[in-house]
Amino acid sequence: MKFAIQTEGSEITYIAGLYRYEDHGGMQVPMFTVLTREAAGTVRDIHDRMPVILDKDSLQDWVRPDGDHSAIVEKALSNMVFDRAVEYPRFPPEIITA
């Protein structure tokens, strides 16, 4: 079963991650990972892990190299709401127009 998970009371969910660029065949390709933590709150009912959710006020500190990332992760949000995700039909590629 698929679920739509969102930060309670917010329209945007900010997820902590790390990235770097790697050289692949002469091209700089971005590589990234999403940081996770033990599931909290109602998310525990569907999974044992969840992304580290950042508060909007923590975003600038998260991207600063000299930010206190451990402190930011400690106050990561855990108040999430979820509902069953809506299943949309998949269309064949020839129907989708750019």
PDB file of N, CA and C in Angstrom:
ATOM      1  N   MET A   1       0.841  -1.172   0.000  1.00  0.00           N
ATOM      2  CA  MET A   1       0.000   0.000   0.000  1.00  0.00           C
ATOM      3  C   MET A   1       0.895   1.246   0.000  1.00  0.00           C
ATOM      4  N   LYS A   2       0.539   2.243  -0.774  1.00  0.00           N
ATOM      5  CA  LYS A   2       1.288   3.484  -0.846  1.00  0.00           C
ATOM      6  C   LYS A   2       0.632   4.541   0.026  1.00  0.00           C
ATOM      7  N   PHE A   3       1.478   5.381   0.641  1.00  0.00           N
ATOM      8  CA  PHE A   3       0.983   6.439   1.515  1.00  0.00           C
ATOM      9  C   PHE A   3       1.540   7.782   1.079  1.00  0.00           C
ATOM     10  N   ALA A   4       0.754   8.822   1.260  1.00  0.00           N
ATOM     11  CA  ALA A   4       1.204  10.198   1.092  1.00  0.00           C
ATOM     12  C   ALA A   4       1.496  10.720   2.490  1.00  0.00           C
ATOM     13  N   ILE A   5       2.752  11.122   2.724  1.00  0.00           N
ATOM     14  CA  ILE A   5       3.175  11.567   4.051  1.00  0.00           C
ATOM     15  C   ILE A   5       3.595  13.026   3.960  1.00  0.00           C
ATOM     16  N   GLN A   6       3.133  13.824   4.895  1.00  0.00           N
ATOM     17  CA  GLN A   6       3.386  15.267   4.869  1.00  0.00           C
ATOM     18  C   GLN A   6       3.615  15.769   6.288  1.00  0.00           C
ATOM     19  N   THR A   7       4.428  16.826   6.398  1.00  0.00           N
ATOM     20  CA  THR A   7       4.616  17.476   7.683  1.00  0.00           C
ATOM     21  C   THR A   7       3.291  18.090   8.111  1.00  0.00           C
ATOM     22  N   GLU A   8       2.876  17.835   9.331  1.00  0.00           N
ATOM     23  CA  GLU A   8       1.600  18.350   9.811  1.00  0.00           C
ATOM     24  C   GLU A   8       1.583  19.876   9.784  1.00  0.00           C
ATOM     25  N   GLY A   9       0.544  20.441   9.176  1.00  0.00           N
ATOM     26  CA  GLY A   9       0.367  21.886   9.127  1.00  0.00           C
ATOM     27  C   GLY A   9       1.236  22.597   8.109  1.00  0.00           C
ATOM     28  N   SER A  10       1.850  21.872   7.185  1.00  0.00           N
ATOM     29  CA  SER A  10       2.732  22.490   6.201  1.00  0.00           C
ATOM     30  C   SER A  10       2.403  21.986   4.802  1.00  0.00           C
ATOM     31  N   GLU A  11       2.649  22.822   3.821  1.00  0.00           N
ATOM     32  CA  GLU A  11       2.442  22.404   2.438  1.00  0.00           C
ATOM     33  C   GLU A  11       3.717  21.858   1.813  1.00  0.00           C
ATOM     34  N   ILE A  12       4.866  22.147   2.431  1.00  0.00           N
ATOM     35  CA  ILE A  12       6.154  21.697   1.904  1.00  0.00           C
ATOM     36  C   ILE A  12       6.880  20.923   3.001  1.00  0.00           C
ATOM     37  N   THR A  13       7.461  19.792   2.623  1.00  0.00           N
ATOM     38  CA  THR A  13       8.256  19.010   3.549  1.00  0.00           C
ATOM     39  C   THR A  13       9.719  19.120   3.124  1.00  0.00           C
ATOM     40  N   TYR A  14      10.575  19.604   4.019  1.00  0.00           N
ATOM     41  CA  TYR A  14      12.000  19.766   3.739  1.00  0.00           C
ATOM     42  C   TYR A  14      12.745  18.567   4.298  1.00  0.00           C
ATOM     43  N   ILE A  15      13.443  17.834   3.439  1.00  0.00           N
ATOM     44  CA  ILE A  15      14.119  16.600   3.814  1.00  0.00           C
ATOM     45  C   ILE A  15      15.631  16.820   3.795  1.00  0.00           C
ATOM     46  N   ALA A  16      16.312  16.419   4.864  1.00  0.00           N
ATOM     47  CA  ALA A  16      17.764  16.572   4.955  1.00  0.00           C
ATOM     48  C   ALA A  16      18.459  15.564   4.050  1.00  0.00           C
ATOM     49  N   GLY A  17      19.473  16.023   3.376  1.00  0.00           N
ATOM     50  CA  GLY A  17      20.242  15.145   2.509  1.00  0.00           C
ATOM     51  C   GLY A  17      21.655  15.661   2.324  1.00  0.00           C
ATOM     52  N   LEU A  18      22.443  14.871   1.642  1.00  0.00           N
ATOM     53  CA  LEU A  18      23.823  15.219   1.326  1.00  0.00           C
ATOM     54  C   LEU A  18      24.016  15.012  -0.170  1.00  0.00           C
ATOM     55  N   TYR A  19      24.904  15.819  -0.785  1.00  0.00           N
ATOM     56  CA  TYR A  19      25.182  15.616  -2.197  1.00  0.00           C
ATOM     57  C   TYR A  19      26.630  15.954  -2.512  1.00  0.00           C
ATOM     58  N   ARG A  20      27.044  15.445  -3.643  1.00  0.00           N
ATOM     59  CA  ARG A  20      28.358  15.773  -4.186  1.00  0.00           C
ATOM     60  C   ARG A  20      28.276  15.522  -5.688  1.00  0.00           C
ATOM     61  N   TYR A  21      29.254  16.023  -6.409  1.00  0.00           N
ATOM     62  CA  TYR A  21      29.348  15.759  -7.843  1.00  0.00           C
ATOM     63  C   TYR A  21      30.460  14.760  -8.092  1.00  0.00           C
ATOM     64  N   GLU A  22      30.205  13.798  -9.007  1.00  0.00           N
ATOM     65  CA  GLU A  22      31.209  12.828  -9.397  1.00  0.00           C
ATOM     66  C   GLU A  22      31.413  12.915 -10.899  1.00  0.00           C
ATOM     67  N   ASP A  23      32.630  12.619 -11.315  1.00  0.00           N
ATOM     68  CA  ASP A  23      32.959  12.624 -12.737  1.00  0.00           C
ATOM     69  C   ASP A  23      32.615  11.260 -13.320  1.00  0.00           C
ATOM     70  N   HIS A  24      31.710  11.234 -14.275  1.00  0.00           N
ATOM     71  CA  HIS A  24      31.319   9.999 -14.967  1.00  0.00           C
ATOM     72  C   HIS A  24      31.433  10.244 -16.464  1.00  0.00           C
ATOM     73  N   GLY A  25      32.481   9.693 -17.062  1.00  0.00           N
ATOM     74  CA  GLY A  25      32.672   9.833 -18.498  1.00  0.00           C
ATOM     75  C   GLY A  25      32.847  11.280 -18.933  1.00  0.00           C
ATOM     76  N   GLY A  26      33.523  12.070 -18.121  1.00  0.00           N
ATOM     77  CA  GLY A  26      33.749  13.473 -18.456  1.00  0.00           C
ATOM     78  C   GLY A  26      32.598  14.395 -18.093  1.00  0.00           C
ATOM     79  N   MET A  27      31.537  13.843 -17.527  1.00  0.00           N
ATOM     80  CA  MET A  27      30.392  14.657 -17.108  1.00  0.00           C
ATOM     81  C   MET A  27      30.336  14.714 -15.589  1.00  0.00           C
ATOM     82  N   GLN A  28      30.010  15.875 -15.043  1.00  0.00           N
ATOM     83  CA  GLN A  28      29.812  16.019 -13.603  1.00  0.00           C
ATOM     84  C   GLN A  28      28.359  15.628 -13.282  1.00  0.00           C
ATOM     85  N   VAL A  29      28.208  14.540 -12.565  1.00  0.00           N
ATOM     86  CA  VAL A  29      26.891  13.987 -12.251  1.00  0.00           C
ATOM     87  C   VAL A  29      26.614  14.172 -10.759  1.00  0.00           C
ATOM     88  N   PRO A  30      25.475  14.789 -10.404  1.00  0.00           N
ATOM     89  CA  PRO A  30      25.173  14.939  -8.972  1.00  0.00           C
ATOM     90  C   PRO A  30      24.780  13.597  -8.360  1.00  0.00           C
ATOM     91  N   MET A  31      25.335  13.311  -7.201  1.00  0.00           N
ATOM     92  CA  MET A  31      25.010  12.110  -6.433  1.00  0.00           C
ATOM     93  C   MET A  31      24.442  12.583  -5.102  1.00  0.00           C
ATOM     94  N   PHE A  32      23.393  11.952  -4.630  1.00  0.00           N
ATOM     95  CA  PHE A  32      22.790  12.418  -3.388  1.00  0.00           C
ATOM     96  C   PHE A  32      22.232  11.265  -2.574  1.00  0.00           C
ATOM     97  N   THR A  33      21.998  11.550  -1.311  1.00  0.00           N
ATOM     98  CA  THR A  33      21.375  10.596  -0.404  1.00  0.00           C
ATOM     99  C   THR A  33      20.441  11.356   0.523  1.00  0.00           C
ATOM    100  N   VAL A  34      19.379  10.715   0.931  1.00  0.00           N
ATOM    101  CA  VAL A  34      18.434  11.282   1.895  1.00  0.00           C
ATOM    102  C   VAL A  34      18.776  10.683   3.255  1.00  0.00           C
ATOM    103  N   LEU A  35      18.927  11.541   4.251  1.00  0.00           N
ATOM    104  CA  LEU A  35      19.217  11.066   5.608  1.00  0.00           C
ATOM    105  C   LEU A  35      17.936  10.558   6.260  1.00  0.00           C
ATOM    106  N   THR A  36      18.048   9.440   6.971  1.00  0.00           N
ATOM    107  CA  THR A  36      16.886   8.874   7.650  1.00  0.00           C
ATOM    108  C   THR A  36      17.170   8.721   9.140  1.00  0.00           C
ATOM    109  N   ARG A  37      16.105   8.481   9.865  1.00  0.00           N
ATOM    110  CA  ARG A  37      16.168   8.271  11.308  1.00  0.00           C
ATOM    111  C   ARG A  37      15.124   7.227  11.678  1.00  0.00           C
ATOM    112  N   GLU A  38      15.126   6.831  12.945  1.00  0.00           N
ATOM    113  CA  GLU A  38      14.093   5.923  13.429  1.00  0.00           C
ATOM    114  C   GLU A  38      12.739   6.614  13.265  1.00  0.00           C
ATOM    115  N   ALA A  39      11.740   5.871  12.831  1.00  0.00           N
ATOM    116  CA  ALA A  39      10.412   6.451  12.625  1.00  0.00           C
ATOM    117  C   ALA A  39       9.835   6.941  13.943  1.00  0.00           C
ATOM    118  N   ALA A  40       9.086   8.032  13.857  1.00  0.00           N
ATOM    119  CA  ALA A  40       8.461   8.630  15.042  1.00  0.00           C
ATOM    120  C   ALA A  40       6.972   8.817  14.782  1.00  0.00           C
ATOM    121  N   GLY A  41       6.225   8.937  15.844  1.00  0.00           N
ATOM    122  CA  GLY A  41       4.796   9.231  15.733  1.00  0.00           C
ATOM    123  C   GLY A  41       4.045   8.198  14.923  1.00  0.00           C
ATOM    124  N   THR A  42       3.099   8.678  14.145  1.00  0.00           N
ATOM    125  CA  THR A  42       2.237   7.778  13.377  1.00  0.00           C
ATOM    126  C   THR A  42       2.967   7.077  12.240  1.00  0.00           C
ATOM    127  N   VAL A  43       4.126   7.587  11.833  1.00  0.00           N
ATOM    128  CA  VAL A  43       4.880   6.940  10.749  1.00  0.00           C
ATOM    129  C   VAL A  43       5.326   5.538  11.183  1.00  0.00           C
ATOM    130  N   ARG A  44       5.545   5.339  12.485  1.00  0.00           N
ATOM    131  CA  ARG A  44       5.933   4.014  12.999  1.00  0.00           C
ATOM    132  C   ARG A  44       4.937   2.928  12.635  1.00  0.00           C
ATOM    133  N   ASP A  45       3.687   3.316  12.411  1.00  0.00           N
ATOM    134  CA  ASP A  45       2.662   2.328  12.074  1.00  0.00           C
ATOM    135  C   ASP A  45       2.862   1.733  10.691  1.00  0.00           C
ATOM    136  N   ILE A  46       3.627   2.433   9.823  1.00  0.00           N
ATOM    137  CA  ILE A  46       3.794   1.926   8.457  1.00  0.00           C
ATOM    138  C   ILE A  46       5.239   1.606   8.086  1.00  0.00           C
ATOM    139  N   HIS A  47       6.217   2.121   8.863  1.00  0.00           N
ATOM    140  CA  HIS A  47       7.624   1.856   8.529  1.00  0.00           C
ATOM    141  C   HIS A  47       8.511   2.108   9.747  1.00  0.00           C
ATOM    142  N   ASP A  48       9.683   1.475   9.772  1.00  0.00           N
ATOM    143  CA  ASP A  48      10.578   1.659  10.914  1.00  0.00           C
ATOM    144  C   ASP A  48      11.566   2.806  10.729  1.00  0.00           C
ATOM    145  N   ARG A  49      11.640   3.397   9.534  1.00  0.00           N
ATOM    146  CA  ARG A  49      12.527   4.528   9.252  1.00  0.00           C
ATOM    147  C   ARG A  49      11.716   5.650   8.623  1.00  0.00           C
ATOM    148  N   MET A  50      12.257   6.867   8.733  1.00  0.00           N
ATOM    149  CA  MET A  50      11.642   8.020   8.077  1.00  0.00           C
ATOM    150  C   MET A  50      12.746   9.024   7.755  1.00  0.00           C
ATOM    151  N   PRO A  51      12.522   9.909   6.767  1.00  0.00           N
ATOM    152  CA  PRO A  51      13.535  10.924   6.465  1.00  0.00           C
ATOM    153  C   PRO A  51      13.702  11.892   7.635  1.00  0.00           C
ATOM    154  N   VAL A  52      14.875  12.507   7.726  1.00  0.00           N
ATOM    155  CA  VAL A  52      15.095  13.588   8.687  1.00  0.00           C
ATOM    156  C   VAL A  52      14.385  14.807   8.094  1.00  0.00           C
ATOM    157  N   ILE A  53      13.342  15.271   8.763  1.00  0.00           N
ATOM    158  CA  ILE A  53      12.517  16.386   8.283  1.00  0.00           C
ATOM    159  C   ILE A  53      12.990  17.666   8.951  1.00  0.00           C
ATOM    160  N   LEU A  54      13.357  18.643   8.128  1.00  0.00           N
ATOM    161  CA  LEU A  54      13.858  19.908   8.649  1.00  0.00           C
ATOM    162  C   LEU A  54      12.748  20.936   8.787  1.00  0.00           C
ATOM    163  N   ASP A  55      12.825  21.705   9.844  1.00  0.00           N
ATOM    164  CA  ASP A  55      11.953  22.851  10.030  1.00  0.00           C
ATOM    165  C   ASP A  55      12.400  23.936   9.045  1.00  0.00           C
ATOM    166  N   LYS A  56      11.471  24.706   8.522  1.00  0.00           N
ATOM    167  CA  LYS A  56      11.809  25.763   7.561  1.00  0.00           C
ATOM    168  C   LYS A  56      12.877  26.708   8.113  1.00  0.00           C
ATOM    169  N   ASP A  57      12.827  26.976   9.422  1.00  0.00           N
ATOM    170  CA  ASP A  57      13.796  27.883  10.041  1.00  0.00           C
ATOM    171  C   ASP A  57      15.200  27.289  10.112  1.00  0.00           C
ATOM    172  N   SER A  58      15.345  25.985   9.891  1.00  0.00           N
ATOM    173  CA  SER A  58      16.652  25.329   9.962  1.00  0.00           C
ATOM    174  C   SER A  58      17.339  25.209   8.603  1.00  0.00           C
ATOM    175  N   LEU A  59      16.650  25.559   7.535  1.00  0.00           N
ATOM    176  CA  LEU A  59      17.188  25.332   6.191  1.00  0.00           C
ATOM    177  C   LEU A  59      18.511  26.045   5.944  1.00  0.00           C
ATOM    178  N   GLN A  60      18.596  27.314   6.281  1.00  0.00           N
ATOM    179  CA  GLN A  60      19.829  28.069   6.038  1.00  0.00           C
ATOM    180  C   GLN A  60      20.996  27.484   6.822  1.00  0.00           C
ATOM    181  N   ASP A  61      20.748  27.072   8.061  1.00  0.00           N
ATOM    182  CA  ASP A  61      21.814  26.476   8.856  1.00  0.00           C
ATOM    183  C   ASP A  61      22.229  25.119   8.300  1.00  0.00           C
ATOM    184  N   TRP A  62      21.283  24.368   7.734  1.00  0.00           N
ATOM    185  CA  TRP A  62      21.595  23.041   7.195  1.00  0.00           C
ATOM    186  C   TRP A  62      22.571  23.138   6.021  1.00  0.00           C
ATOM    187  N   VAL A  63      22.392  24.111   5.146  1.00  0.00           N
ATOM    188  CA  VAL A  63      23.243  24.200   3.954  1.00  0.00           C
ATOM    189  C   VAL A  63      24.562  24.931   4.215  1.00  0.00           C
ATOM    190  N   ARG A  64      24.709  25.566   5.363  1.00  0.00           N
ATOM    191  CA  ARG A  64      25.962  26.245   5.696  1.00  0.00           C
ATOM    192  C   ARG A  64      27.002  25.214   6.132  1.00  0.00           C
ATOM    193  N   PRO A  65      28.201  25.258   5.564  1.00  0.00           N
ATOM    194  CA  PRO A  65      29.233  24.293   5.961  1.00  0.00           C
ATOM    195  C   PRO A  65      29.600  24.374   7.440  1.00  0.00           C
ATOM    196  N   ASP A  66      29.454  25.552   8.047  1.00  0.00           N
ATOM    197  CA  ASP A  66      29.814  25.699   9.457  1.00  0.00           C
ATOM    198  C   ASP A  66      28.602  25.604  10.386  1.00  0.00           C
ATOM    199  N   GLY A  67      27.444  25.166   9.846  1.00  0.00           N
ATOM    200  CA  GLY A  67      26.245  25.005  10.672  1.00  0.00           C
ATOM    201  C   GLY A  67      26.395  23.830  11.634  1.00  0.00           C
ATOM    202  N   ASP A  68      25.645  23.849  12.708  1.00  0.00           N
ATOM    203  CA  ASP A  68      25.671  22.763  13.694  1.00  0.00           C
ATOM    204  C   ASP A  68      24.657  21.699  13.266  1.00  0.00           C
ATOM    205  N   HIS A  69      25.096  20.824  12.372  1.00  0.00           N
ATOM    206  CA  HIS A  69      24.190  19.845  11.784  1.00  0.00           C
ATOM    207  C   HIS A  69      23.644  18.854  12.804  1.00  0.00           C
ATOM    208  N   SER A  70      24.439  18.495  13.799  1.00  0.00           N
ATOM    209  CA  SER A  70      23.958  17.573  14.835  1.00  0.00           C
ATOM    210  C   SER A  70      22.788  18.175  15.599  1.00  0.00           C
ATOM    211  N   ALA A  71      22.886  19.455  15.927  1.00  0.00           N
ATOM    212  CA  ALA A  71      21.796  20.128  16.647  1.00  0.00           C
ATOM    213  C   ALA A  71      20.546  20.210  15.781  1.00  0.00           C
ATOM    214  N   ILE A  72      20.736  20.429  14.495  1.00  0.00           N
ATOM    215  CA  ILE A  72      19.589  20.517  13.579  1.00  0.00           C
ATOM    216  C   ILE A  72      18.879  19.176  13.514  1.00  0.00           C
ATOM    217  N   VAL A  73      19.644  18.095  13.396  1.00  0.00           N
ATOM    218  CA  VAL A  73      19.047  16.755  13.320  1.00  0.00           C
ATOM    219  C   VAL A  73      18.339  16.425  14.629  1.00  0.00           C
ATOM    220  N   GLU A  74      18.884  16.845  15.761  1.00  0.00           N
ATOM    221  CA  GLU A  74      18.255  16.584  17.063  1.00  0.00           C
ATOM    222  C   GLU A  74      16.862  17.207  17.159  1.00  0.00           C
ATOM    223  N   LYS A  75      16.669  18.356  16.531  1.00  0.00           N
ATOM    224  CA  LYS A  75      15.352  18.996  16.603  1.00  0.00           C
ATOM    225  C   LYS A  75      14.527  18.765  15.335  1.00  0.00           C
ATOM    226  N   ALA A  76      14.888  17.718  14.579  1.00  0.00           N
ATOM    227  CA  ALA A  76      14.147  17.384  13.367  1.00  0.00           C
ATOM    228  C   ALA A  76      12.685  17.126  13.694  1.00  0.00           C
ATOM    229  N   LEU A  77      11.835  17.482  12.775  1.00  0.00           N
ATOM    230  CA  LEU A  77      10.391  17.329  12.978  1.00  0.00           C
ATOM    231  C   LEU A  77       9.987  15.859  12.944  1.00  0.00           C
ATOM    232  N   SER A  78       8.997  15.524  13.717  1.00  0.00           N
ATOM    233  CA  SER A  78       8.477  14.158  13.695  1.00  0.00           C
ATOM    234  C   SER A  78       6.958  14.142  13.677  1.00  0.00           C
ATOM    235  N   ASN A  79       6.338  15.294  13.665  1.00  0.00           N
ATOM    236  CA  ASN A  79       4.885  15.376  13.675  1.00  0.00           C
ATOM    237  C   ASN A  79       4.361  15.304  12.240  1.00  0.00           C
ATOM    238  N   MET A  80       4.123  14.080  11.790  1.00  0.00           N
ATOM    239  CA  MET A  80       3.729  13.848  10.406  1.00  0.00           C
ATOM    240  C   MET A  80       2.288  13.359  10.340  1.00  0.00           C
ATOM    241  N   VAL A  81       1.671  13.601   9.215  1.00  0.00           N
ATOM    242  CA  VAL A  81       0.346  13.043   8.949  1.00  0.00           C
ATOM    243  C   VAL A  81       0.451  12.242   7.653  1.00  0.00           C
ATOM    244  N   PHE A  82      -0.365  11.201   7.544  1.00  0.00           N
ATOM    245  CA  PHE A  82      -0.329  10.434   6.311  1.00  0.00           C
ATOM    246  C   PHE A  82      -1.710   9.905   5.978  1.00  0.00           C
ATOM    247  N   ASP A  83      -1.872   9.613   4.716  1.00  0.00           N
ATOM    248  CA  ASP A  83      -3.121   9.074   4.202  1.00  0.00           C
ATOM    249  C   ASP A  83      -2.757   8.158   3.048  1.00  0.00           C
ATOM    250  N   ARG A  84      -3.668   7.324   2.665  1.00  0.00           N
ATOM    251  CA  ARG A  84      -3.402   6.473   1.508  1.00  0.00           C
ATOM    252  C   ARG A  84      -3.195   7.349   0.280  1.00  0.00           C
ATOM    253  N   ALA A  85      -2.171   7.032  -0.489  1.00  0.00           N
ATOM    254  CA  ALA A  85      -1.876   7.805  -1.695  1.00  0.00           C
ATOM    255  C   ALA A  85      -2.899   7.485  -2.776  1.00  0.00           C
ATOM    256  N   VAL A  86      -3.189   8.475  -3.580  1.00  0.00           N
ATOM    257  CA  VAL A  86      -4.097   8.288  -4.706  1.00  0.00           C
ATOM    258  C   VAL A  86      -3.322   7.611  -5.825  1.00  0.00           C
ATOM    259  N   GLU A  87      -3.867   6.540  -6.354  1.00  0.00           N
ATOM    260  CA  GLU A  87      -3.236   5.836  -7.471  1.00  0.00           C
ATOM    261  C   GLU A  87      -3.746   6.448  -8.767  1.00  0.00           C
ATOM    262  N   TYR A  88      -2.836   7.036  -9.525  1.00  0.00           N
ATOM    263  CA  TYR A  88      -3.190   7.596 -10.817  1.00  0.00           C
ATOM    264  C   TYR A  88      -2.805   6.594 -11.893  1.00  0.00           C
ATOM    265  N   PRO A  89      -3.611   6.508 -12.961  1.00  0.00           N
ATOM    266  CA  PRO A  89      -3.266   5.558 -14.028  1.00  0.00           C
ATOM    267  C   PRO A  89      -1.978   5.985 -14.725  1.00  0.00           C
ATOM    268  N   ARG A  90      -1.202   5.005 -15.144  1.00  0.00           N
ATOM    269  CA  ARG A  90       0.019   5.285 -15.915  1.00  0.00           C
ATOM    270  C   ARG A  90      -0.360   5.290 -17.387  1.00  0.00           C
ATOM    271  N   PHE A  91       0.041   6.354 -18.045  1.00  0.00           N
ATOM    272  CA  PHE A  91      -0.251   6.457 -19.471  1.00  0.00           C
ATOM    273  C   PHE A  91       0.959   5.995 -20.278  1.00  0.00           C
ATOM    274  N   PRO A  92       0.706   5.398 -21.432  1.00  0.00           N
ATOM    275  CA  PRO A  92       1.844   5.028 -22.287  1.00  0.00           C
ATOM    276  C   PRO A  92       2.618   6.305 -22.667  1.00  0.00           C
ATOM    277  N   PRO A  93       3.949   6.210 -22.813  1.00  0.00           N
ATOM    278  CA  PRO A  93       4.763   7.389 -23.104  1.00  0.00           C
ATOM    279  C   PRO A  93       4.302   8.199 -24.316  1.00  0.00           C
ATOM    280  N   GLU A  94       3.720   7.550 -25.317  1.00  0.00           N
ATOM    281  CA  GLU A  94       3.316   8.297 -26.519  1.00  0.00           C
ATOM    282  C   GLU A  94       2.128   9.232 -26.254  1.00  0.00           C
ATOM    283  N   ILE A  95       1.415   9.032 -25.169  1.00  0.00           N
ATOM    284  CA  ILE A  95       0.277   9.912 -24.850  1.00  0.00           C
ATOM    285  C   ILE A  95       0.753  11.162 -24.125  1.00  0.00           C
ATOM    286  N   ILE A  96       1.836  11.077 -23.396  1.00  0.00           N
ATOM    287  CA  ILE A  96       2.335  12.207 -22.622  1.00  0.00           C
ATOM    288  C   ILE A  96       3.053  13.183 -23.546  1.00  0.00           C
ATOM    289  N   THR A  97       2.658  14.458 -23.469  1.00  0.00           N
ATOM    290  CA  THR A  97       3.303  15.478 -24.294  1.00  0.00           C
ATOM    291  C   THR A  97       4.080  16.406 -23.402  1.00  0.00           C
ATOM    292  N   ALA A  98       5.197  16.895 -23.922  1.00  0.00           N
ATOM    293  CA  ALA A  98       6.052  17.788 -23.130  1.00  0.00           C
ATOM    294  C   ALA A  98       5.667  19.231 -23.317  1.00  0.00           C
TER     295      ALA A  98
END
